[in-house]
Amino acid sequence: SPVRESVDLPDLVTKIVADYSKDADLRIRMPSNAEAQALADPLELQ
């Protein structure tokens, strides 16, 4: 069972998207000023 804790969702998504920034075949658009705290397992959500 995953552990649920507070996760800064925009920050987590931003870090993941940054790993794909060098991929020329992939373009990801996401909001720049979003704020949301979710209850989830950070590793599982990643």
All heavy atoms as atom14 arrays in JSON, in Angstrom:
{
  "sequence": "SPVRESVDLPDLVTKIVADYSKDADLRIRMPSNAEAQALADPLELQ",
  "atom14_mask": [
    [1, 1, 1, 1, 1, 1, 0, 0, 0, 0, 0, 0, 0, 0],
    [1, 1, 1, 1, 1, 1, 1, 0, 0, 0, 0, 0, 0, 0],
    [1, 1, 1, 1, 1, 1, 1, 0, 0, 0, 0, 0, 0, 0],
    [1, 1, 1, 1, 1, 1, 1, 1, 1, 1, 1, 0, 0, 0],
    [1, 1, 1, 1, 1, 1, 1, 1, 1, 0, 0, 0, 0, 0],
    [1, 1, 1, 1, 1, 1, 0, 0, 0, 0, 0, 0, 0, 0],
    [1, 1, 1, 1, 1, 1, 1, 0, 0, 0, 0, 0, 0, 0],
    [1, 1, 1, 1, 1, 1, 1, 1, 0, 0, 0, 0, 0, 0],
    [1, 1, 1, 1, 1, 1, 1, 1, 0, 0, 0, 0, 0, 0],
    [1, 1, 1, 1, 1, 1, 1, 0, 0, 0, 0, 0, 0, 0],
    [1, 1, 1, 1, 1, 1, 1, 1, 0, 0, 0, 0, 0, 0],
    [1, 1, 1, 1, 1, 1, 1, 1, 0, 0, 0, 0, 0, 0],
    [1, 1, 1, 1, 1, 1, 1, 0, 0, 0, 0, 0, 0, 0],
    [1, 1, 1, 1, 1, 1, 1, 0, 0, 0, 0, 0, 0, 0],
    [1, 1, 1, 1, 1, 1, 1, 1, 1, 0, 0, 0, 0, 0],
    [1, 1, 1, 1, 1, 1, 1, 1, 0, 0, 0, 0, 0, 0],
    [1, 1, 1, 1, 1, 1, 1, 0, 0, 0, 0, 0, 0, 0],
    [1, 1, 1, 1, 1, 0, 0, 0, 0, 0, 0, 0, 0, 0],
    [1, 1, 1, 1, 1, 1, 1, 1, 0, 0, 0, 0, 0, 0],
    [1, 1, 1, 1, 1, 1, 1, 1, 1, 1, 1, 1, 0, 0],
    [1, 1, 1, 1, 1, 1, 0, 0, 0, 0, 0, 0, 0, 0],
    [1, 1, 1, 1, 1, 1, 1, 1, 1, 0, 0, 0, 0, 0],
    [1, 1, 1, 1, 1, 1, 1, 1, 0, 0, 0, 0, 0, 0],
    [1, 1, 1, 1, 1, 0, 0, 0, 0, 0, 0, 0, 0, 0],
    [1, 1, 1, 1, 1, 1, 1, 1, 0, 0, 0, 0, 0, 0],
    [1, 1, 1, 1, 1, 1, 1, 1, 0, 0, 0, 0, 0, 0],
    [1, 1, 1, 1, 1, 1, 1, 1, 1, 1, 1, 0, 0, 0],
    [1, 1, 1, 1, 1, 1, 1, 1, 0, 0, 0, 0, 0, 0],
    [1, 1, 1, 1, 1, 1, 1, 1, 1, 1, 1, 0, 0, 0],
    [1, 1, 1, 1, 1, 1, 1, 1, 0, 0, 0, 0, 0, 0],
    [1, 1, 1, 1, 1, 1, 1, 0, 0, 0, 0, 0, 0, 0],
    [1, 1, 1, 1, 1, 1, 0, 0, 0, 0, 0, 0, 0, 0],
    [1, 1, 1, 1, 1, 1, 1, 1, 0, 0, 0, 0, 0, 0],
    [1, 1, 1, 1, 1, 0, 0, 0, 0, 0, 0, 0, 0, 0],
    [1, 1, 1, 1, 1, 1, 1, 1, 1, 0, 0, 0, 0, 0],
    [1, 1, 1, 1, 1, 0, 0, 0, 0, 0, 0, 0, 0, 0],
    [1, 1, 1, 1, 1, 1, 1, 1, 1, 0, 0, 0, 0, 0],
    [1, 1, 1, 1, 1, 0, 0, 0, 0, 0, 0, 0, 0, 0],
    [1, 1, 1, 1, 1, 1, 1, 1, 0, 0, 0, 0, 0, 0],
    [1, 1, 1, 1, 1, 0, 0, 0, 0, 0, 0, 0, 0, 0],
    [1, 1, 1, 1, 1, 1, 1, 1, 0, 0, 0, 0, 0, 0],
    [1, 1, 1, 1, 1, 1, 1, 0, 0, 0, 0, 0, 0, 0],
    [1, 1, 1, 1, 1, 1, 1, 1, 0, 0, 0, 0, 0, 0],
    [1, 1, 1, 1, 1, 1, 1, 1, 1, 0, 0, 0, 0, 0],
    [1, 1, 1, 1, 1, 1, 1, 1, 0, 0, 0, 0, 0, 0],
    [1, 1, 1, 1, 1, 1, 1, 1, 1, 0, 0, 0, 0, 0]
  ],
  "atom14_positions": [
    [[0.84, -1.19, 0.0], [0.0, 0.0, 0.0], [0.88, 1.25, 0.0], [1.82, 1.35, 0.79], [-0.92, 0.02, 1.22], [-1.77, -1.1, 1.21], [0.0, 0.0, 0.0], [0.0, 0.0, 0.0], [0.0, 0.0, 0.0], [0.0, 0.0, 0.0], [0.0, 0.0, 0.0], [0.0, 0.0, 0.0], [0.0, 0.0, 0.0], [0.0, 0.0, 0.0]],
    [[0.62, 2.2, -0.89], [1.44, 3.41, -0.93], [1.21, 4.27, 0.3], [0.15, 4.23, 0.93], [0.97, 4.12, -2.2], [-0.43, 3.63, -2.41], [-0.44, 2.21, -1.9], [0.0, 0.0, 0.0], [0.0, 0.0, 0.0], [0.0, 0.0, 0.0], [0.0, 0.0, 0.0], [0.0, 0.0, 0.0], [0.0, 0.0, 0.0], [0.0, 0.0, 0.0]],
    [[2.22, 5.06, 0.63], [2.12, 6.0, 1.75], [1.59, 7.32, 1.22], [2.12, 7.88, 0.25], [3.5, 6.21, 2.42], [3.39, 7.21, 3.55], [4.03, 4.87, 2.93], [0.0, 0.0, 0.0], [0.0, 0.0, 0.0], [0.0, 0.0, 0.0], [0.0, 0.0, 0.0], [0.0, 0.0, 0.0], [0.0, 0.0, 0.0], [0.0, 0.0, 0.0]],
    [[0.56, 7.84, 1.87], [-0.04, 9.1, 1.4], [0.47, 10.25, 2.25], [0.4, 10.22, 3.47], [-1.57, 9.02, 1.5], [-2.17, 7.97, 0.56], [-3.65, 7.83, 0.82], [-4.34, 9.07, 0.57], [-5.54, 9.36, 1.04], [-6.16, 8.51, 1.83], [-6.11, 10.51, 0.77], [0.0, 0.0, 0.0], [0.0, 0.0, 0.0], [0.0, 0.0, 0.0]],
    [[1.02, 11.25, 1.55], [1.48, 12.46, 2.22], [1.25, 13.63, 1.29], [0.87, 13.47, 0.13], [2.97, 12.34, 2.57], [3.86, 12.1, 1.35], [5.31, 11.87, 1.75], [5.57, 10.91, 2.5], [6.15, 12.68, 1.3], [0.0, 0.0, 0.0], [0.0, 0.0, 0.0], [0.0, 0.0, 0.0], [0.0, 0.0, 0.0], [0.0, 0.0, 0.0]],
    [[1.44, 14.82, 1.83], [1.2, 16.02, 1.04], [2.27, 16.15, -0.04], [3.47, 16.08, 0.24], [1.2, 17.26, 1.95], [0.95, 18.43, 1.19], [0.0, 0.0, 0.0], [0.0, 0.0, 0.0], [0.0, 0.0, 0.0], [0.0, 0.0, 0.0], [0.0, 0.0, 0.0], [0.0, 0.0, 0.0], [0.0, 0.0, 0.0], [0.0, 0.0, 0.0]],
    [[1.84, 16.35, -1.3], [2.74, 16.46, -2.44], [2.42, 17.74, -3.2], [1.25, 18.02, -3.51], [2.58, 15.24, -3.39], [3.48, 15.39, -4.61], [2.9, 13.94, -2.65], [0.0, 0.0, 0.0], [0.0, 0.0, 0.0], [0.0, 0.0, 0.0], [0.0, 0.0, 0.0], [0.0, 0.0, 0.0], [0.0, 0.0, 0.0], [0.0, 0.0, 0.0]],
    [[3.46, 18.52, -3.48], [3.31, 19.71, -4.32], [3.25, 19.24, -5.77], [4.28, 18.98, -6.41], [4.48, 20.66, -4.1], [4.27, 22.01, -4.77], [3.45, 22.08, -5.72], [4.9, 23.0, -4.37], [0.0, 0.0, 0.0], [0.0, 0.0, 0.0], [0.0, 0.0, 0.0], [0.0, 0.0, 0.0], [0.0, 0.0, 0.0], [0.0, 0.0, 0.0]],
    [[2.03, 19.13, -6.29], [1.84, 18.51, -7.6], [2.53, 19.3, -8.73], [3.22, 18.7, -9.55], [0.34, 18.35, -7.87], [-0.05, 17.42, -9.02], [0.54, 16.04, -8.81], [-1.57, 17.33, -9.11], [0.0, 0.0, 0.0], [0.0, 0.0, 0.0], [0.0, 0.0, 0.0], [0.0, 0.0, 0.0], [0.0, 0.0, 0.0], [0.0, 0.0, 0.0]],
    [[2.38, 20.62, -8.83], [3.07, 21.35, -9.91], [4.59, 21.2, -9.84], [5.26, 21.06, -10.88], [2.63, 22.8, -9.7], [1.35, 22.7, -8.94], [1.5, 21.51, -8.06], [0.0, 0.0, 0.0], [0.0, 0.0, 0.0], [0.0, 0.0, 0.0], [0.0, 0.0, 0.0], [0.0, 0.0, 0.0], [0.0, 0.0, 0.0], [0.0, 0.0, 0.0]],
    [[5.14, 21.2, -8.64], [6.59, 21.07, -8.51], [7.05, 19.69, -8.97], [8.08, 19.56, -9.65], [6.99, 21.31, -7.06], [8.5, 21.22, -6.84], [9.22, 22.09, -7.37], [8.94, 20.28, -6.17], [0.0, 0.0, 0.0], [0.0, 0.0, 0.0], [0.0, 0.0, 0.0], [0.0, 0.0, 0.0], [0.0, 0.0, 0.0], [0.0, 0.0, 0.0]],
    [[6.3, 18.65, -8.61], [6.66, 17.3, -9.03], [6.59, 17.15, -10.54], [7.49, 16.58, -11.18], [5.74, 16.29, -8.35], [5.97, 14.81, -8.69], [7.35, 14.37, -8.24], [4.89, 13.94, -8.05], [0.0, 0.0, 0.0], [0.0, 0.0, 0.0], [0.0, 0.0, 0.0], [0.0, 0.0, 0.0], [0.0, 0.0, 0.0], [0.0, 0.0, 0.0]],
    [[5.52, 17.69, -11.15], [5.37, 17.6, -12.61], [6.48, 18.37, -13.31], [7.04, 17.94, -14.32], [3.98, 18.1, -13.03], [3.85, 18.12, -14.55], [2.89, 17.21, -12.43], [0.0, 0.0, 0.0], [0.0, 0.0, 0.0], [0.0, 0.0, 0.0], [0.0, 0.0, 0.0], [0.0, 0.0, 0.0], [0.0, 0.0, 0.0], [0.0, 0.0, 0.0]],
    [[6.83, 19.53, -12.77], [7.89, 20.34, -13.38], [9.21, 19.58, -13.41], [9.95, 19.61, -14.4], [8.04, 21.65, -12.61], [6.8, 22.37, -12.64], [9.12, 22.52, -13.24], [0.0, 0.0, 0.0], [0.0, 0.0, 0.0], [0.0, 0.0, 0.0], [0.0, 0.0, 0.0], [0.0, 0.0, 0.0], [0.0, 0.0, 0.0], [0.0, 0.0, 0.0]],
    [[9.55, 18.9, -12.33], [10.8, 18.14, -12.28], [10.78, 16.99, -13.29], [11.81, 16.69, -13.92], [11.02, 17.6, -10.87], [11.3, 18.68, -9.84], [11.47, 18.08, -8.45], [11.73, 19.18, -7.4], [11.86, 18.61, -6.03], [0.0, 0.0, 0.0], [0.0, 0.0, 0.0], [0.0, 0.0, 0.0], [0.0, 0.0, 0.0], [0.0, 0.0, 0.0]],
    [[9.64, 16.35, -13.43], [9.56, 15.24, -14.39], [9.67, 15.76, -15.82], [10.38, 15.18, -16.66], [8.24, 14.47, -14.19], [8.21, 13.81, -12.8], [8.06, 13.41, -15.26], [6.89, 13.16, -12.45], [0.0, 0.0, 0.0], [0.0, 0.0, 0.0], [0.0, 0.0, 0.0], [0.0, 0.0, 0.0], [0.0, 0.0, 0.0], [0.0, 0.0, 0.0]],
    [[8.98, 16.86, -16.1], [9.03, 17.43, -17.45], [10.45, 17.88, -17.8], [10.9, 17.78, -18.96], [8.02, 18.59, -17.57], [8.19, 19.33, -18.89], [6.6, 18.07, -17.43], [0.0, 0.0, 0.0], [0.0, 0.0, 0.0], [0.0, 0.0, 0.0], [0.0, 0.0, 0.0], [0.0, 0.0, 0.0], [0.0, 0.0, 0.0], [0.0, 0.0, 0.0]],
    [[11.18, 18.37, -16.8], [12.55, 18.82, -17.05], [13.43, 17.67, -17.54], [14.38, 17.9, -18.33], [13.14, 19.44, -15.79], [0.0, 0.0, 0.0], [0.0, 0.0, 0.0], [0.0, 0.0, 0.0], [0.0, 0.0, 0.0], [0.0, 0.0, 0.0], [0.0, 0.0, 0.0], [0.0, 0.0, 0.0], [0.0, 0.0, 0.0], [0.0, 0.0, 0.0]],
    [[13.15, 16.44, -17.12], [13.94, 15.3, -17.57], [13.72, 15.0, -19.04], [14.55, 14.31, -19.67], [13.6, 14.06, -16.73], [14.0, 14.24, -15.27], [14.9, 15.05, -15.0], [13.39, 13.57, -14.4], [0.0, 0.0, 0.0], [0.0, 0.0, 0.0], [0.0, 0.0, 0.0], [0.0, 0.0, 0.0], [0.0, 0.0, 0.0], [0.0, 0.0, 0.0]],
    [[12.58, 15.45, -19.59], [12.29, 15.2, -21.01], [12.6, 16.42, -21.88], [12.24, 16.45, -23.05], [10.81, 14.83, -21.18], [10.45, 13.48, -20.63], [9.98, 13.35, -19.33], [10.56, 12.33, -21.41], [9.63, 12.1, -18.82], [10.21, 11.09, -20.91], [9.75, 10.99, -19.61], [9.4, 9.75, -19.1], [0.0, 0.0, 0.0], [0.0, 0.0, 0.0]],
    [[13.22, 17.45, -21.31], [13.45, 18.69, -22.06], [14.41, 18.49, -23.23], [14.36, 19.24, -24.22], [13.97, 19.78, -21.12], [15.2, 19.36, -20.52], [0.0, 0.0, 0.0], [0.0, 0.0, 0.0], [0.0, 0.0, 0.0], [0.0, 0.0, 0.0], [0.0, 0.0, 0.0], [0.0, 0.0, 0.0], [0.0, 0.0, 0.0], [0.0, 0.0, 0.0]],
    [[15.3, 17.51, -23.14], [16.27, 17.28, -24.2], [15.74, 16.38, -25.3], [16.44, 16.14, -26.29], [17.54, 16.68, -23.61], [18.25, 17.6, -22.62], [19.5, 16.94, -22.08], [20.2, 17.85, -21.07], [21.45, 17.23, -20.52], [0.0, 0.0, 0.0], [0.0, 0.0, 0.0], [0.0, 0.0, 0.0], [0.0, 0.0, 0.0], [0.0, 0.0, 0.0]],
    [[14.55, 15.85, -25.13], [13.96, 14.98, -26.15], [13.35, 15.83, -27.25], [12.33, 16.52, -27.03], [12.9, 14.08, -25.51], [12.5, 12.93, -26.42], [12.66, 13.05, -27.65], [12.0, 11.91, -25.9], [0.0, 0.0, 0.0], [0.0, 0.0, 0.0], [0.0, 0.0, 0.0], [0.0, 0.0, 0.0], [0.0, 0.0, 0.0], [0.0, 0.0, 0.0]],
    [[13.93, 15.82, -28.45], [13.45, 16.67, -29.55], [12.12, 16.21, -30.1], [11.4, 17.0, -30.73], [14.51, 16.71, -30.66], [0.0, 0.0, 0.0], [0.0, 0.0, 0.0], [0.0, 0.0, 0.0], [0.0, 0.0, 0.0], [0.0, 0.0, 0.0], [0.0, 0.0, 0.0], [0.0, 0.0, 0.0], [0.0, 0.0, 0.0], [0.0, 0.0, 0.0]],
    [[11.77, 14.95, -29.9], [10.52, 14.42, -30.44], [9.34, 14.6, -29.48], [8.24, 14.14, -29.78], [10.68, 12.93, -30.76], [11.71, 12.69, -31.85], [11.94, 13.62, -32.65], [12.28, 11.59, -31.87], [0.0, 0.0, 0.0], [0.0, 0.0, 0.0], [0.0, 0.0, 0.0], [0.0, 0.0, 0.0], [0.0, 0.0, 0.0], [0.0, 0.0, 0.0]],
    [[9.55, 15.22, -28.34], [8.49, 15.37, -27.33], [8.39, 16.83, -26.9], [9.39, 17.45, -26.53], [8.8, 14.48, -26.11], [7.82, 14.55, -24.95], [6.44, 14.08, -25.38], [8.33, 13.72, -23.78], [0.0, 0.0, 0.0], [0.0, 0.0, 0.0], [0.0, 0.0, 0.0], [0.0, 0.0, 0.0], [0.0, 0.0, 0.0], [0.0, 0.0, 0.0]],
    [[7.19, 17.35, -26.96], [6.93, 18.72, -26.52], [5.82, 18.68, -25.49], [4.73, 18.18, -25.75], [6.53, 19.6, -27.7], [6.26, 21.05, -27.29], [5.78, 21.86, -28.48], [5.49, 23.24, -28.09], [4.92, 24.15, -28.9], [4.6, 23.81, -30.13], [4.7, 25.37, -28.47], [0.0, 0.0, 0.0], [0.0, 0.0, 0.0], [0.0, 0.0, 0.0]],
    [[6.1, 19.22, -24.3], [5.14, 19.19, -23.19], [4.81, 20.62, -22.79], [5.72, 21.43, -22.54], [5.7, 18.42, -21.98], [6.05, 16.98, -22.38], [4.7, 18.42, -20.83], [6.67, 16.18, -21.26], [0.0, 0.0, 0.0], [0.0, 0.0, 0.0], [0.0, 0.0, 0.0], [0.0, 0.0, 0.0], [0.0, 0.0, 0.0], [0.0, 0.0, 0.0]],
    [[3.54, 20.94, -22.74], [3.08, 22.25, -22.29], [2.33, 22.06, -20.97], [1.51, 21.16, -20.84], [2.16, 22.89, -23.33], [2.85, 23.24, -24.64], [1.87, 23.91, -25.6], [0.85, 22.97, -26.04], [0.94, 22.25, -27.16], [2.02, 22.37, -27.95], [-0.01, 21.42, -27.52], [0.0, 0.0, 0.0], [0.0, 0.0, 0.0], [0.0, 0.0, 0.0]],
    [[2.61, 22.94, -20.01], [1.94, 22.88, -18.72], [1.84, 24.29, -18.14], [2.62, 25.18, -18.51], [2.71, 21.97, -17.75], [4.1, 22.43, -17.4], [4.84, 21.42, -16.09], [3.78, 21.83, -14.71], [0.0, 0.0, 0.0], [0.0, 0.0, 0.0], [0.0, 0.0, 0.0], [0.0, 0.0, 0.0], [0.0, 0.0, 0.0], [0.0, 0.0, 0.0]],
    [[0.86, 24.54, -17.25], [0.71, 25.89, -16.68], [1.89, 26.26, -15.82], [2.51, 25.41, -15.16], [-0.59, 25.78, -15.86], [-0.74, 24.32, -15.57], [-0.16, 23.61, -16.76], [0.0, 0.0, 0.0], [0.0, 0.0, 0.0], [0.0, 0.0, 0.0], [0.0, 0.0, 0.0], [0.0, 0.0, 0.0], [0.0, 0.0, 0.0], [0.0, 0.0, 0.0]],
    [[2.2, 27.54, -15.81], [3.38, 28.01, -15.07], [3.06, 28.5, -13.67], [3.95, 28.63, -12.84], [4.07, 29.14, -15.86], [3.15, 30.21, -16.08], [0.0, 0.0, 0.0], [0.0, 0.0, 0.0], [0.0, 0.0, 0.0], [0.0, 0.0, 0.0], [0.0, 0.0, 0.0], [0.0, 0.0, 0.0], [0.0, 0.0, 0.0], [0.0, 0.0, 0.0]],
    [[1.8, 28.8, -13.39], [1.44, 29.38, -12.09], [0.46, 28.52, -11.31], [-0.29, 29.02, -10.47], [0.86, 30.78, -12.28], [-0.36, 30.76, -13.2], [-0.65, 29.74, -13.84], [-1.06, 31.88, -13.27], [0.0, 0.0, 0.0], [0.0, 0.0, 0.0], [0.0, 0.0, 0.0], [0.0, 0.0, 0.0], [0.0, 0.0, 0.0], [0.0, 0.0, 0.0]],
    [[0.41, 27.22, -11.59], [-0.54, 26.34, -10.9], [-0.06, 26.07, -9.48], [1.14, 25.98, -9.21], [-0.7, 25.03, -11.66], [0.0, 0.0, 0.0], [0.0, 0.0, 0.0], [0.0, 0.0, 0.0], [0.0, 0.0, 0.0], [0.0, 0.0, 0.0], [0.0, 0.0, 0.0], [0.0, 0.0, 0.0], [0.0, 0.0, 0.0], [0.0, 0.0, 0.0]],
    [[-1.03, 25.92, -8.57], [-0.74, 25.58, -7.18], [-1.75, 24.54, -6.72], [-2.95, 24.75, -6.82], [-0.83, 26.82, -6.27], [0.22, 27.88, -6.55], [0.1, 29.06, -5.61], [-0.81, 29.02, -4.75], [0.89, 30.01, -5.72], [0.0, 0.0, 0.0], [0.0, 0.0, 0.0], [0.0, 0.0, 0.0], [0.0, 0.0, 0.0], [0.0, 0.0, 0.0]],
    [[-1.24, 23.43, -6.23], [-2.13, 22.36, -5.75], [-1.33, 21.41, -4.87], [-0.21, 21.01, -5.22], [-2.74, 21.6, -6.93], [0.0, 0.0, 0.0], [0.0, 0.0, 0.0], [0.0, 0.0, 0.0], [0.0, 0.0, 0.0], [0.0, 0.0, 0.0], [0.0, 0.0, 0.0], [0.0, 0.0, 0.0], [0.0, 0.0, 0.0], [0.0, 0.0, 0.0]],
    [[-1.91, 21.06, -3.74], [-1.33, 20.1, -2.81], [-2.24, 18.86, -2.78], [-3.41, 18.97, -2.46], [-1.19, 20.69, -1.41], [-0.27, 21.9, -1.32], [1.19, 21.5, -1.45], [1.57, 20.4, -1.08], [2.01, 22.39, -1.98], [0.0, 0.0, 0.0], [0.0, 0.0, 0.0], [0.0, 0.0, 0.0], [0.0, 0.0, 0.0], [0.0, 0.0, 0.0]],
    [[-1.68, 17.71, -3.13], [-2.46, 16.48, -3.17], [-1.91, 15.49, -2.15], [-0.74, 15.55, -1.76], [-2.42, 15.87, -4.57], [0.0, 0.0, 0.0], [0.0, 0.0, 0.0], [0.0, 0.0, 0.0], [0.0, 0.0, 0.0], [0.0, 0.0, 0.0], [0.0, 0.0, 0.0], [0.0, 0.0, 0.0], [0.0, 0.0, 0.0], [0.0, 0.0, 0.0]],
    [[-2.78, 14.57, -1.72], [-2.37, 13.49, -0.83], [-2.03, 12.28, -1.68], [-2.91, 11.67, -2.31], [-3.49, 13.16, 0.16], [-3.82, 14.22, 1.21], [-4.98, 13.76, 2.08], [-2.6, 14.51, 2.07], [0.0, 0.0, 0.0], [0.0, 0.0, 0.0], [0.0, 0.0, 0.0], [0.0, 0.0, 0.0], [0.0, 0.0, 0.0], [0.0, 0.0, 0.0]],
    [[-0.76, 11.91, -1.73], [-0.31, 10.81, -2.57], [1.06, 10.35, -2.11], [1.71, 10.98, -1.27], [-0.28, 11.25, -4.04], [0.0, 0.0, 0.0], [0.0, 0.0, 0.0], [0.0, 0.0, 0.0], [0.0, 0.0, 0.0], [0.0, 0.0, 0.0], [0.0, 0.0, 0.0], [0.0, 0.0, 0.0], [0.0, 0.0, 0.0], [0.0, 0.0, 0.0]],
    [[1.49, 9.23, -2.69], [2.84, 8.74, -2.49], [3.72, 9.39, -3.55], [3.51, 9.17, -4.76], [2.85, 7.21, -2.64], [4.2, 6.61, -2.27], [5.23, 7.2, -2.66], [4.22, 5.56, -1.61], [0.0, 0.0, 0.0], [0.0, 0.0, 0.0], [0.0, 0.0, 0.0], [0.0, 0.0, 0.0], [0.0, 0.0, 0.0], [0.0, 0.0, 0.0]],
    [[4.71, 10.2, -3.17], [5.49, 10.94, -4.17], [6.16, 10.02, -5.19], [6.13, 10.3, -6.39], [6.52, 11.69, -3.32], [5.93, 11.77, -1.96], [5.12, 10.53, -1.8], [0.0, 0.0, 0.0], [0.0, 0.0, 0.0], [0.0, 0.0, 0.0], [0.0, 0.0, 0.0], [0.0, 0.0, 0.0], [0.0, 0.0, 0.0], [0.0, 0.0, 0.0]],
    [[6.76, 8.91, -4.73], [7.44, 8.02, -5.64], [6.46, 7.35, -6.59], [6.7, 7.27, -7.81], [8.23, 6.97, -4.85], [9.02, 5.95, -5.67], [10.04, 6.66, -6.56], [9.71, 4.94, -4.76], [0.0, 0.0, 0.0], [0.0, 0.0, 0.0], [0.0, 0.0, 0.0], [0.0, 0.0, 0.0], [0.0, 0.0, 0.0], [0.0, 0.0, 0.0]],
    [[5.32, 6.86, -6.04], [4.32, 6.21, -6.88], [3.72, 7.2, -7.88], [3.49, 6.86, -9.05], [3.22, 5.59, -6.01], [3.68, 4.45, -5.13], [3.99, 3.19, -5.93], [3.64, 3.15, -7.13], [4.59, 2.27, -5.36], [0.0, 0.0, 0.0], [0.0, 0.0, 0.0], [0.0, 0.0, 0.0], [0.0, 0.0, 0.0], [0.0, 0.0, 0.0]],
    [[3.47, 8.43, -7.42], [2.89, 9.43, -8.31], [3.88, 9.79, -9.42], [3.47, 10.02, -10.57], [2.51, 10.68, -7.5], [1.74, 11.76, -8.25], [0.47, 11.19, -8.87], [1.39, 12.91, -7.31], [0.0, 0.0, 0.0], [0.0, 0.0, 0.0], [0.0, 0.0, 0.0], [0.0, 0.0, 0.0], [0.0, 0.0, 0.0], [0.0, 0.0, 0.0]],
    [[5.15, 9.84, -9.1], [6.16, 10.11, -10.13], [6.16, 8.99, -11.18], [6.23, 9.25, -12.39], [7.53, 10.25, -9.5], [8.65, 10.53, -10.49], [9.99, 10.71, -9.8], [10.07, 10.72, -8.57], [11.05, 10.86, -10.58], [0.0, 0.0, 0.0], [0.0, 0.0, 0.0], [0.0, 0.0, 0.0], [0.0, 0.0, 0.0], [0.0, 0.0, 0.0]]
  ]
}
